[in-house]
Amino acid sequence: MGRIPENSIHGIVTDPPYGVKEYEFDQLAKMANGNGGIWRIPPSFDGNVRSPLPRFTALNPKERDQLYRFFVEWGKVAAHVLRPGGHAFIATNSFLCQPVYSALVEGGLEFRGQVIRVVRTLRGGDRPKNAEEEFPDVCSLPRGSYEPWGIFRKPLPNSFTVSDCLRRYETGGLRRLPDGLPFSDLIQSGRTSQSERLHADHPSLKPQALLRELVYSVLPLGKGTLLDPFAGSGSTIAAAEALGLSAIGIEKNRTYYEMAKESIGPLSRLSSDRDQASLAFA
């Protein structure tokens, strides 16, 4: 990102590896083997196999500081590539959003709120580890029922209004939905469908319906270049492709990079009931 020309990106939509170490190569190998490491392999329920989840509570103070410093530096390069007024949507979780948001602000981005994705997850709700029978009526953390996405913006130039920024940089605000209603910070979203996972078996795959709403809204005039610097299986790029938008994806993991090359096309051609019924994105 540091080598991308300054002020060249209109918006960012991304789901970073905010647990610091869950996407390190040794941890991915342990996840693939289903044994050890930071990844927790949930049990099957009613014959349905759940996706692995990283144990973020395993981070120690040193790793939390590493997480914070990483996102300070990432915030700096994000501010470098974004046009003035350009927005970034960044997926996180309720346990780590506070230090991540603070770090991004220190890096030079403005905090503009959160998108709350309403989705039931298997995160949290567990009894105290190794004392489940002793404390059967206690949970260490609440069961997750939402996923927060931080909304950030590169500051507008001095004395610029949003309309000034829109005219000069094509940024500054968020795009209204196709039906004319404002973009909302509350999105009802189910789990990623099996049809999508057949094309991209990534442990943190987000549904196309959600991503298409985000990439649509992050470009206020419906044009410009979108960036996903943690592209994974390419699902954000596929969402942009489905809407006819220009997008760049960056991914350092060779396995996921190769997966993205195969999955972007099929994912972009998928339609969803949410798209057709309410947003007409497909």
C-alpha atoms as a PDB file:
ATOM      1  CA  MET A   1       0.000   0.000   0.000  1.00  0.00           C
ATOM      2  CA  GLY A   2       2.899   2.335   0.667  1.00  0.00           C
ATOM      3  CA  ARG A   3       3.940   2.062  -2.984  1.00  0.00           C
ATOM      4  CA  ILE A   4       0.480   2.984  -4.308  1.00  0.00           C
ATOM      5  CA  PRO A   5       0.370   6.649  -5.405  1.00  0.00           C
ATOM      6  CA  GLU A   6      -1.039   9.023  -2.806  1.00  0.00           C
ATOM      7  CA  ASN A   7      -4.743   9.918  -3.057  1.00  0.00           C
ATOM      8  CA  SER A   8      -5.439   7.198  -5.628  1.00  0.00           C
ATOM      9  CA  ILE A   9      -8.061   5.016  -3.870  1.00  0.00           C
ATOM     10  CA  HIS A  10     -11.694   6.064  -3.431  1.00  0.00           C
ATOM     11  CA  GLY A  11     -12.695   3.533  -0.751  1.00  0.00           C
ATOM     12  CA  ILE A  12     -11.573   0.505   1.259  1.00  0.00           C
ATOM     13  CA  VAL A  13     -13.666  -2.497   2.291  1.00  0.00           C
ATOM     14  CA  THR A  14     -11.720  -5.172   4.135  1.00  0.00           C
ATOM     15  CA  ASP A  15     -11.729  -7.915   6.760  1.00  0.00           C
ATOM     16  CA  PRO A  16      -8.203  -7.860   8.246  1.00  0.00           C
ATOM     17  CA  PRO A  17      -6.493 -10.587  10.292  1.00  0.00           C
ATOM     18  CA  TYR A  18      -7.050  -8.557  13.452  1.00  0.00           C
ATOM     19  CA  GLY A  19      -6.184 -11.423  15.811  1.00  0.00           C
ATOM     20  CA  VAL A  20      -2.462 -10.824  15.024  1.00  0.00           C
ATOM     21  CA  LYS A  21      -1.469 -14.436  14.562  1.00  0.00           C
ATOM     22  CA  GLU A  22      -4.433 -16.460  13.286  1.00  0.00           C
ATOM     23  CA  TYR A  23      -3.249 -16.135   9.672  1.00  0.00           C
ATOM     24  CA  GLU A  24       0.390 -16.908  10.334  1.00  0.00           C
ATOM     25  CA  PHE A  25       1.388 -19.919   8.289  1.00  0.00           C
ATOM     26  CA  ASP A  26       1.921 -22.263  11.249  1.00  0.00           C
ATOM     27  CA  GLN A  27      -1.514 -21.397  12.665  1.00  0.00           C
ATOM     28  CA  LEU A  28      -3.192 -22.018   9.297  1.00  0.00           C
ATOM     29  CA  ALA A  29      -1.487 -25.406   9.118  1.00  0.00           C
ATOM     30  CA  LYS A  30      -2.820 -26.301  12.572  1.00  0.00           C
ATOM     31  CA  MET A  31      -6.313 -25.171  11.551  1.00  0.00           C
ATOM     32  CA  ALA A  32      -6.138 -27.360   8.437  1.00  0.00           C
ATOM     33  CA  ASN A  33      -5.104 -30.301  10.586  1.00  0.00           C
ATOM     34  CA  GLY A  34      -7.852 -29.563  13.119  1.00  0.00           C
ATOM     35  CA  ASN A  35      -5.411 -29.796  16.002  1.00  0.00           C
ATOM     36  CA  GLY A  36      -3.849 -27.143  18.227  1.00  0.00           C
ATOM     37  CA  GLY A  37      -3.097 -23.492  17.650  1.00  0.00           C
ATOM     38  CA  ILE A  38      -5.278 -20.418  18.006  1.00  0.00           C
ATOM     39  CA  TRP A  39      -8.092 -21.763  15.817  1.00  0.00           C
ATOM     40  CA  ARG A  40     -11.004 -23.340  17.673  1.00  0.00           C
ATOM     41  CA  ILE A  41     -12.804 -26.049  15.699  1.00  0.00           C
ATOM     42  CA  PRO A  42     -16.467 -25.898  16.848  1.00  0.00           C
ATOM     43  CA  PRO A  43     -18.448 -29.123  17.190  1.00  0.00           C
ATOM     44  CA  SER A  44     -21.040 -30.121  14.614  1.00  0.00           C
ATOM     45  CA  PHE A  45     -24.708 -29.465  15.374  1.00  0.00           C
ATOM     46  CA  ASP A  46     -27.554 -31.306  13.639  1.00  0.00           C
ATOM     47  CA  GLY A  47     -25.104 -32.607  11.061  1.00  0.00           C
ATOM     48  CA  ASN A  48     -23.894 -29.103  10.107  1.00  0.00           C
ATOM     49  CA  VAL A  49     -20.162 -28.484  10.289  1.00  0.00           C
ATOM     50  CA  ARG A  50     -19.314 -25.029  11.652  1.00  0.00           C
ATOM     51  CA  SER A  51     -16.394 -22.958  10.395  1.00  0.00           C
ATOM     52  CA  PRO A  52     -13.277 -22.568  12.569  1.00  0.00           C
ATOM     53  CA  LEU A  53     -13.027 -19.489  14.786  1.00  0.00           C
ATOM     54  CA  PRO A  54      -9.829 -17.930  16.169  1.00  0.00           C
ATOM     55  CA  ARG A  55      -9.573 -17.658  19.963  1.00  0.00           C
ATOM     56  CA  PHE A  56      -8.920 -13.921  20.282  1.00  0.00           C
ATOM     57  CA  THR A  57      -8.912 -14.095  24.063  1.00  0.00           C
ATOM     58  CA  ALA A  58      -5.645 -16.050  23.753  1.00  0.00           C
ATOM     59  CA  LEU A  59      -3.762 -12.813  23.001  1.00  0.00           C
ATOM     60  CA  ASN A  60      -1.392 -11.703  25.750  1.00  0.00           C
ATOM     61  CA  PRO A  61      -0.502  -8.040  26.520  1.00  0.00           C
ATOM     62  CA  LYS A  62       2.522  -8.118  24.218  1.00  0.00           C
ATOM     63  CA  GLU A  63       0.416  -9.431  21.343  1.00  0.00           C
ATOM     64  CA  ARG A  64      -2.266  -6.829  22.013  1.00  0.00           C
ATOM     65  CA  ASP A  65       0.394  -4.131  21.807  1.00  0.00           C
ATOM     66  CA  GLN A  66       1.611  -5.689  18.556  1.00  0.00           C
ATOM     67  CA  LEU A  67      -1.960  -5.607  17.257  1.00  0.00           C
ATOM     68  CA  TYR A  68      -2.278  -1.940  18.194  1.00  0.00           C
ATOM     69  CA  ARG A  69       1.016  -0.916  16.585  1.00  0.00           C
ATOM     70  CA  PHE A  70       0.175  -2.848  13.421  1.00  0.00           C
ATOM     71  CA  PHE A  71      -3.087  -0.978  12.946  1.00  0.00           C
ATOM     72  CA  VAL A  72      -1.469   2.383  13.698  1.00  0.00           C
ATOM     73  CA  GLU A  73       0.935   1.744  10.828  1.00  0.00           C
ATOM     74  CA  TRP A  74      -1.824   0.335   8.648  1.00  0.00           C
ATOM     75  CA  GLY A  75      -3.927   3.425   9.334  1.00  0.00           C
ATOM     76  CA  LYS A  76      -1.042   5.574   8.090  1.00  0.00           C
ATOM     77  CA  VAL A  77      -0.741   3.769   4.760  1.00  0.00           C
ATOM     78  CA  ALA A  78      -4.543   3.686   4.411  1.00  0.00           C
ATOM     79  CA  ALA A  79      -4.571   7.466   4.856  1.00  0.00           C
ATOM     80  CA  HIS A  80      -1.801   7.660   2.259  1.00  0.00           C
ATOM     81  CA  VAL A  81      -3.686   5.767  -0.472  1.00  0.00           C
ATOM     82  CA  LEU A  82      -7.188   7.125   0.185  1.00  0.00           C
ATOM     83  CA  ARG A  83      -8.382  10.276  -1.487  1.00  0.00           C
ATOM     84  CA  PRO A  84      -9.378  13.032   0.957  1.00  0.00           C
ATOM     85  CA  GLY A  85     -12.827  12.119   2.245  1.00  0.00           C
ATOM     86  CA  GLY A  86     -12.437   8.484   1.191  1.00  0.00           C
ATOM     87  CA  HIS A  87     -14.129   5.962   3.484  1.00  0.00           C
ATOM     88  CA  ALA A  88     -12.969   2.610   4.832  1.00  0.00           C
ATOM     89  CA  PHE A  89     -15.219  -0.178   6.151  1.00  0.00           C
ATOM     90  CA  ILE A  90     -13.205  -2.519   8.383  1.00  0.00           C
ATOM     91  CA  ALA A  91     -14.572  -5.742   9.857  1.00  0.00           C
ATOM     92  CA  THR A  92     -13.657  -6.540  13.447  1.00  0.00           C
ATOM     93  CA  ASN A  93     -15.310  -8.113  16.493  1.00  0.00           C
ATOM     94  CA  SER A  94     -16.768  -6.851  19.746  1.00  0.00           C
ATOM     95  CA  PHE A  95     -13.779  -8.061  21.754  1.00  0.00           C
ATOM     96  CA  LEU A  96     -11.061  -6.226  19.813  1.00  0.00           C
ATOM     97  CA  CYS A  97     -12.803  -3.292  18.126  1.00  0.00           C
ATOM     98  CA  GLN A  98     -11.817  -0.763  20.807  1.00  0.00           C
ATOM     99  CA  PRO A  99      -8.002  -1.057  20.418  1.00  0.00           C
ATOM    100  CA  VAL A 100      -8.289  -1.436  16.637  1.00  0.00           C
ATOM    101  CA  TYR A 101     -10.413   1.707  16.304  1.00  0.00           C
ATOM    102  CA  SER A 102      -8.103   3.700  18.580  1.00  0.00           C
ATOM    103  CA  ALA A 103      -5.070   2.598  16.579  1.00  0.00           C
ATOM    104  CA  LEU A 104      -6.628   3.614  13.260  1.00  0.00           C
ATOM    105  CA  VAL A 105      -7.448   7.059  14.633  1.00  0.00           C
ATOM    106  CA  GLU A 106      -3.847   7.429  15.808  1.00  0.00           C
ATOM    107  CA  GLY A 107      -2.811   6.409  12.299  1.00  0.00           C
ATOM    108  CA  GLY A 108      -4.665   9.391  10.841  1.00  0.00           C
ATOM    109  CA  LEU A 109      -8.202   8.243  10.014  1.00  0.00           C
ATOM    110  CA  GLU A 110     -11.422   9.736  11.409  1.00  0.00           C
ATOM    111  CA  PHE A 111     -13.772   7.387  13.249  1.00  0.00           C
ATOM    112  CA  ARG A 112     -17.243   7.824  11.716  1.00  0.00           C
ATOM    113  CA  GLY A 113     -19.222   5.120  13.510  1.00  0.00           C
ATOM    114  CA  GLN A 114     -19.940   1.436  13.031  1.00  0.00           C
ATOM    115  CA  VAL A 115     -21.963  -0.807  10.791  1.00  0.00           C
ATOM    116  CA  ILE A 116     -23.575  -3.496  12.905  1.00  0.00           C
ATOM    117  CA  ARG A 117     -24.020  -6.727  10.990  1.00  0.00           C
ATOM    118  CA  VAL A 118     -26.704  -8.680  12.841  1.00  0.00           C
ATOM    119  CA  VAL A 119     -25.615 -12.318  12.645  1.00  0.00           C
ATOM    120  CA  ARG A 120     -25.609 -15.148  15.162  1.00  0.00           C
ATOM    121  CA  THR A 121     -22.154 -16.606  15.669  1.00  0.00           C
ATOM    122  CA  LEU A 122     -20.558 -19.241  17.869  1.00  0.00           C
ATOM    123  CA  ARG A 123     -18.206 -16.692  19.435  1.00  0.00           C
ATOM    124  CA  GLY A 124     -18.592 -16.286  23.192  1.00  0.00           C
ATOM    125  CA  GLY A 125     -21.155 -17.894  25.459  1.00  0.00           C
ATOM    126  CA  ASP A 126     -18.715 -20.538  26.720  1.00  0.00           C
ATOM    127  CA  ARG A 127     -18.500 -21.617  30.353  1.00  0.00           C
ATOM    128  CA  PRO A 128     -15.191 -20.915  32.155  1.00  0.00           C
ATOM    129  CA  LYS A 129     -12.474 -23.026  30.556  1.00  0.00           C
ATOM    130  CA  ASN A 130     -11.609 -26.180  32.520  1.00  0.00           C
ATOM    131  CA  ALA A 131     -14.296 -25.314  35.090  1.00  0.00           C
ATOM    132  CA  GLU A 132     -17.463 -25.966  33.084  1.00  0.00           C
ATOM    133  CA  GLU A 133     -18.968 -28.322  35.664  1.00  0.00           C
ATOM    134  CA  GLU A 134     -17.958 -26.150  38.614  1.00  0.00           C
ATOM    135  CA  PHE A 135     -19.637 -23.052  37.144  1.00  0.00           C
ATOM    136  CA  PRO A 136     -22.383 -24.366  34.834  1.00  0.00           C
ATOM    137  CA  ASP A 137     -24.440 -21.153  35.025  1.00  0.00           C
ATOM    138  CA  VAL A 138     -21.641 -18.777  34.012  1.00  0.00           C
ATOM    139  CA  CYS A 139     -20.381 -17.665  30.586  1.00  0.00           C
ATOM    140  CA  SER A 140     -17.054 -15.893  30.150  1.00  0.00           C
ATOM    141  CA  LEU A 141     -18.313 -13.638  27.334  1.00  0.00           C
ATOM    142  CA  PRO A 142     -21.783 -13.066  25.877  1.00  0.00           C
ATOM    143  CA  ARG A 143     -22.709 -15.141  22.841  1.00  0.00           C
ATOM    144  CA  GLY A 144     -22.022 -13.111  19.730  1.00  0.00           C
ATOM    145  CA  SER A 145     -25.112 -11.826  17.904  1.00  0.00           C
ATOM    146  CA  TYR A 146     -23.501  -9.110  15.790  1.00  0.00           C
ATOM    147  CA  GLU A 147     -20.330  -8.240  13.910  1.00  0.00           C
ATOM    148  CA  PRO A 148     -19.083  -4.633  14.017  1.00  0.00           C
ATOM    149  CA  TRP A 149     -17.536  -2.959  10.972  1.00  0.00           C
ATOM    150  CA  GLY A 150     -15.709   0.267  11.770  1.00  0.00           C
ATOM    151  CA  ILE A 151     -16.459   3.244   9.518  1.00  0.00           C
ATOM    152  CA  PHE A 152     -13.472   5.523   8.970  1.00  0.00           C
ATOM    153  CA  ARG A 153     -12.766   8.465   6.701  1.00  0.00           C
ATOM    154  CA  LYS A 154      -9.634  10.221   5.572  1.00  0.00           C
ATOM    155  CA  PRO A 155     -10.016  13.819   6.812  1.00  0.00           C
ATOM    156  CA  LEU A 156     -11.353  16.386   4.390  1.00  0.00           C
ATOM    157  CA  PRO A 157      -8.935  19.160   3.356  1.00  0.00           C
ATOM    158  CA  ASN A 158      -9.085  22.308   5.472  1.00  0.00           C
ATOM    159  CA  SER A 159     -12.163  24.441   4.747  1.00  0.00           C
ATOM    160  CA  PHE A 160     -13.621  21.736   2.453  1.00  0.00           C
ATOM    161  CA  THR A 161     -17.254  20.737   2.837  1.00  0.00           C
ATOM    162  CA  VAL A 162     -18.526  17.301   1.863  1.00  0.00           C
ATOM    163  CA  SER A 163     -19.893  18.750  -1.377  1.00  0.00           C
ATOM    164  CA  ASP A 164     -16.496  20.342  -2.148  1.00  0.00           C
ATOM    165  CA  CYS A 165     -14.843  16.964  -1.637  1.00  0.00           C
ATOM    166  CA  LEU A 166     -17.411  15.187  -3.805  1.00  0.00           C
ATOM    167  CA  ARG A 167     -16.817  17.629  -6.640  1.00  0.00           C
ATOM    168  CA  ARG A 168     -13.031  17.454  -6.520  1.00  0.00           C
ATOM    169  CA  TYR A 169     -12.232  13.937  -5.267  1.00  0.00           C
ATOM    170  CA  GLU A 170     -15.520  12.025  -5.780  1.00  0.00           C
ATOM    171  CA  THR A 171     -15.405  11.151  -2.067  1.00  0.00           C
ATOM    172  CA  GLY A 172     -16.580  12.507   1.272  1.00  0.00           C
ATOM    173  CA  GLY A 173     -19.918  10.752   1.826  1.00  0.00           C
ATOM    174  CA  LEU A 174     -21.627   7.397   1.465  1.00  0.00           C
ATOM    175  CA  ARG A 175     -23.901   6.341  -1.379  1.00  0.00           C
ATOM    176  CA  ARG A 176     -27.613   5.989  -0.741  1.00  0.00           C
ATOM    177  CA  LEU A 177     -29.207   2.615  -1.434  1.00  0.00           C
ATOM    178  CA  PRO A 178     -30.803   1.940  -4.827  1.00  0.00           C
ATOM    179  CA  ASP A 179     -34.277   2.644  -3.437  1.00  0.00           C
ATOM    180  CA  GLY A 180     -33.167   6.133  -2.354  1.00  0.00           C
ATOM    181  CA  LEU A 181     -33.013   5.390   1.369  1.00  0.00           C
ATOM    182  CA  PRO A 182     -29.873   6.345   3.309  1.00  0.00           C
ATOM    183  CA  PHE A 183     -27.185   3.769   3.891  1.00  0.00           C
ATOM    184  CA  SER A 184     -27.958   2.252   7.310  1.00  0.00           C
ATOM    185  CA  ASP A 185     -25.520   1.280  10.046  1.00  0.00           C
ATOM    186  CA  LEU A 186     -27.643  -1.785  10.902  1.00  0.00           C
ATOM    187  CA  ILE A 187     -27.606  -4.666   8.413  1.00  0.00           C
ATOM    188  CA  GLN A 188     -29.502  -7.903   8.911  1.00  0.00           C
ATOM    189  CA  SER A 189     -27.204 -10.589   7.555  1.00  0.00           C
ATOM    190  CA  GLY A 190     -27.314 -14.339   7.712  1.00  0.00           C
ATOM    191  CA  ARG A 191     -24.376 -16.677   7.631  1.00  0.00           C
ATOM    192  CA  THR A 192     -22.424 -17.168   4.437  1.00  0.00           C
ATOM    193  CA  SER A 193     -24.292 -19.676   2.285  1.00  0.00           C
ATOM    194  CA  GLN A 194     -22.949 -23.079   1.410  1.00  0.00           C
ATOM    195  CA  SER A 195     -23.223 -22.193  -2.272  1.00  0.00           C
ATOM    196  CA  GLU A 196     -20.687 -19.412  -1.691  1.00  0.00           C
ATOM    197  CA  ARG A 197     -18.412 -21.643   0.374  1.00  0.00           C
ATOM    198  CA  LEU A 198     -18.348 -24.161  -2.459  1.00  0.00           C
ATOM    199  CA  HIS A 199     -16.543 -21.520  -4.504  1.00  0.00           C
ATOM    200  CA  ALA A 200     -14.306 -20.140  -1.733  1.00  0.00           C
ATOM    201  CA  ASP A 201     -13.571 -22.218   1.360  1.00  0.00           C
ATOM    202  CA  HIS A 202     -12.005 -19.388   3.361  1.00  0.00           C
ATOM    203  CA  PRO A 203     -12.406 -19.468   7.181  1.00  0.00           C
ATOM    204  CA  SER A 204     -13.589 -15.840   7.295  1.00  0.00           C
ATOM    205  CA  LEU A 205     -15.727 -15.697   4.147  1.00  0.00           C
ATOM    206  CA  LYS A 206     -18.338 -12.921   4.287  1.00  0.00           C
ATOM    207  CA  PRO A 207     -21.635 -13.240   2.347  1.00  0.00           C
ATOM    208  CA  GLN A 208     -21.916 -11.556  -1.023  1.00  0.00           C
ATOM    209  CA  ALA A 209     -25.128  -9.763  -0.054  1.00  0.00           C
ATOM    210  CA  LEU A 210     -23.326  -7.963   2.778  1.00  0.00           C
ATOM    211  CA  LEU A 211     -20.217  -7.152   0.766  1.00  0.00           C
ATOM    212  CA  ARG A 212     -22.192  -5.866  -2.197  1.00  0.00           C
ATOM    213  CA  GLU A 213     -24.033  -3.420   0.052  1.00  0.00           C
ATOM    214  CA  LEU A 214     -20.762  -2.198   1.534  1.00  0.00           C
ATOM    215  CA  VAL A 215     -18.845  -1.793  -1.731  1.00  0.00           C
ATOM    216  CA  TYR A 216     -21.876  -0.098  -3.276  1.00  0.00           C
ATOM    217  CA  SER A 217     -22.130   2.458  -0.471  1.00  0.00           C
ATOM    218  CA  VAL A 218     -18.421   3.197   0.063  1.00  0.00           C
ATOM    219  CA  LEU A 219     -18.227   4.876  -3.383  1.00  0.00           C
ATOM    220  CA  PRO A 220     -20.620   7.850  -3.032  1.00  0.00           C
ATOM    221  CA  LEU A 221     -20.845   8.644  -6.752  1.00  0.00           C
ATOM    222  CA  GLY A 222     -20.818   5.027  -7.888  1.00  0.00           C
ATOM    223  CA  LYS A 223     -17.397   5.301  -9.501  1.00  0.00           C
ATOM    224  CA  GLY A 224     -13.762   5.179  -8.562  1.00  0.00           C
ATOM    225  CA  THR A 225     -11.353   2.493  -7.378  1.00  0.00           C
ATOM    226  CA  LEU A 226     -12.010   0.241  -4.395  1.00  0.00           C
ATOM    227  CA  LEU A 227      -9.241  -1.505  -2.431  1.00  0.00           C
ATOM    228  CA  ASP A 228      -9.258  -4.643  -0.279  1.00  0.00           C
ATOM    229  CA  PRO A 229      -5.733  -4.944   1.183  1.00  0.00           C
ATOM    230  CA  PHE A 230      -6.580  -8.258   2.923  1.00  0.00           C
ATOM    231  CA  ALA A 231      -8.306  -9.863  -0.041  1.00  0.00           C
ATOM    232  CA  GLY A 232      -8.345 -13.481   1.163  1.00  0.00           C
ATOM    233  CA  SER A 233     -10.485 -15.519  -1.210  1.00  0.00           C
ATOM    234  CA  GLY A 234     -11.399 -12.409  -3.216  1.00  0.00           C
ATOM    235  CA  SER A 235     -14.995 -12.094  -2.003  1.00  0.00           C
ATOM    236  CA  THR A 236     -14.856  -8.285  -1.760  1.00  0.00           C
ATOM    237  CA  ILE A 237     -13.423  -8.076  -5.264  1.00  0.00           C
ATOM    238  CA  ALA A 238     -16.182 -10.421  -6.448  1.00  0.00           C
ATOM    239  CA  ALA A 239     -18.795  -8.113  -4.900  1.00  0.00           C
ATOM    240  CA  ALA A 240     -17.305  -5.149  -6.757  1.00  0.00           C
ATOM    241  CA  GLU A 241     -17.192  -7.183  -9.974  1.00  0.00           C
ATOM    242  CA  ALA A 242     -20.877  -8.053  -9.565  1.00  0.00           C
ATOM    243  CA  LEU A 243     -21.699  -4.337  -9.434  1.00  0.00           C
ATOM    244  CA  GLY A 244     -19.419  -3.342 -12.290  1.00  0.00           C
ATOM    245  CA  LEU A 245     -17.019  -1.457 -10.012  1.00  0.00           C
ATOM    246  CA  SER A 246     -13.245  -1.200 -10.294  1.00  0.00           C
ATOM    247  CA  ALA A 247     -11.394  -2.917  -7.438  1.00  0.00           C
ATOM    248  CA  ILE A 248      -7.887  -3.960  -6.406  1.00  0.00           C
ATOM    249  CA  GLY A 249      -7.176  -6.869  -4.058  1.00  0.00           C
ATOM    250  CA  ILE A 250      -3.919  -7.545  -2.192  1.00  0.00           C
ATOM    251  CA  GLU A 251      -3.197 -10.943  -0.598  1.00  0.00           C
ATOM    252  CA  LYS A 252       0.141 -12.240   0.700  1.00  0.00           C
ATOM    253  CA  ASN A 253      -0.915 -15.855   1.330  1.00  0.00           C
ATOM    254  CA  ARG A 254      -0.242 -17.875  -1.820  1.00  0.00           C
ATOM    255  CA  THR A 255      -3.000 -20.409  -1.083  1.00  0.00           C
ATOM    256  CA  TYR A 256      -5.667 -17.723  -0.725  1.00  0.00           C
ATOM    257  CA  TYR A 257      -4.294 -15.816  -3.711  1.00  0.00           C
ATOM    258  CA  GLU A 258      -4.709 -18.891  -5.908  1.00  0.00           C
ATOM    259  CA  MET A 259      -8.160 -19.469  -4.411  1.00  0.00           C
ATOM    260  CA  ALA A 260      -9.162 -15.904  -5.258  1.00  0.00           C
ATOM    261  CA  LYS A 261      -8.189 -16.330  -8.897  1.00  0.00           C
ATOM    262  CA  GLU A 262     -10.643 -19.237  -9.125  1.00  0.00           C
ATOM    263  CA  SER A 263     -13.440 -17.879  -6.902  1.00  0.00           C
ATOM    264  CA  ILE A 264     -13.878 -14.221  -7.912  1.00  0.00           C
ATOM    265  CA  GLY A 265     -15.685 -15.004 -11.163  1.00  0.00           C
ATOM    266  CA  PRO A 266     -18.165 -17.582  -9.772  1.00  0.00           C
ATOM    267  CA  LEU A 267     -18.891 -15.492  -6.656  1.00  0.00           C
ATOM    268  CA  SER A 268     -19.532 -12.379  -8.735  1.00  0.00           C
ATOM    269  CA  ARG A 269     -22.104 -14.253 -10.822  1.00  0.00           C
ATOM    270  CA  LEU A 270     -24.093 -15.503  -7.839  1.00  0.00           C
ATOM    271  CA  SER A 271     -27.414 -13.835  -7.073  1.00  0.00           C
ATOM    272  CA  SER A 272     -29.112 -13.700  -3.681  1.00  0.00           C
ATOM    273  CA  ASP A 273     -32.627 -13.252  -2.382  1.00  0.00           C
ATOM    274  CA  ARG A 274     -31.451 -10.178  -0.468  1.00  0.00           C
ATOM    275  CA  ASP A 275     -30.147  -8.564  -3.629  1.00  0.00           C
ATOM    276  CA  GLN A 276     -33.325  -9.190  -5.607  1.00  0.00           C
ATOM    277  CA  ALA A 277     -35.861  -8.443  -2.882  1.00  0.00           C
ATOM    278  CA  SER A 278     -34.554  -5.270  -1.292  1.00  0.00           C
ATOM    279  CA  LEU A 279     -31.406  -3.862  -2.822  1.00  0.00           C
ATOM    280  CA  ALA A 280     -31.532  -4.928  -6.479  1.00  0.00           C
ATOM    281  CA  PHE A 281     -27.749  -5.348  -6.481  1.00  0.00           C
ATOM    282  CA  ALA A 282     -27.585  -8.587  -8.475  1.00  0.00           C
END
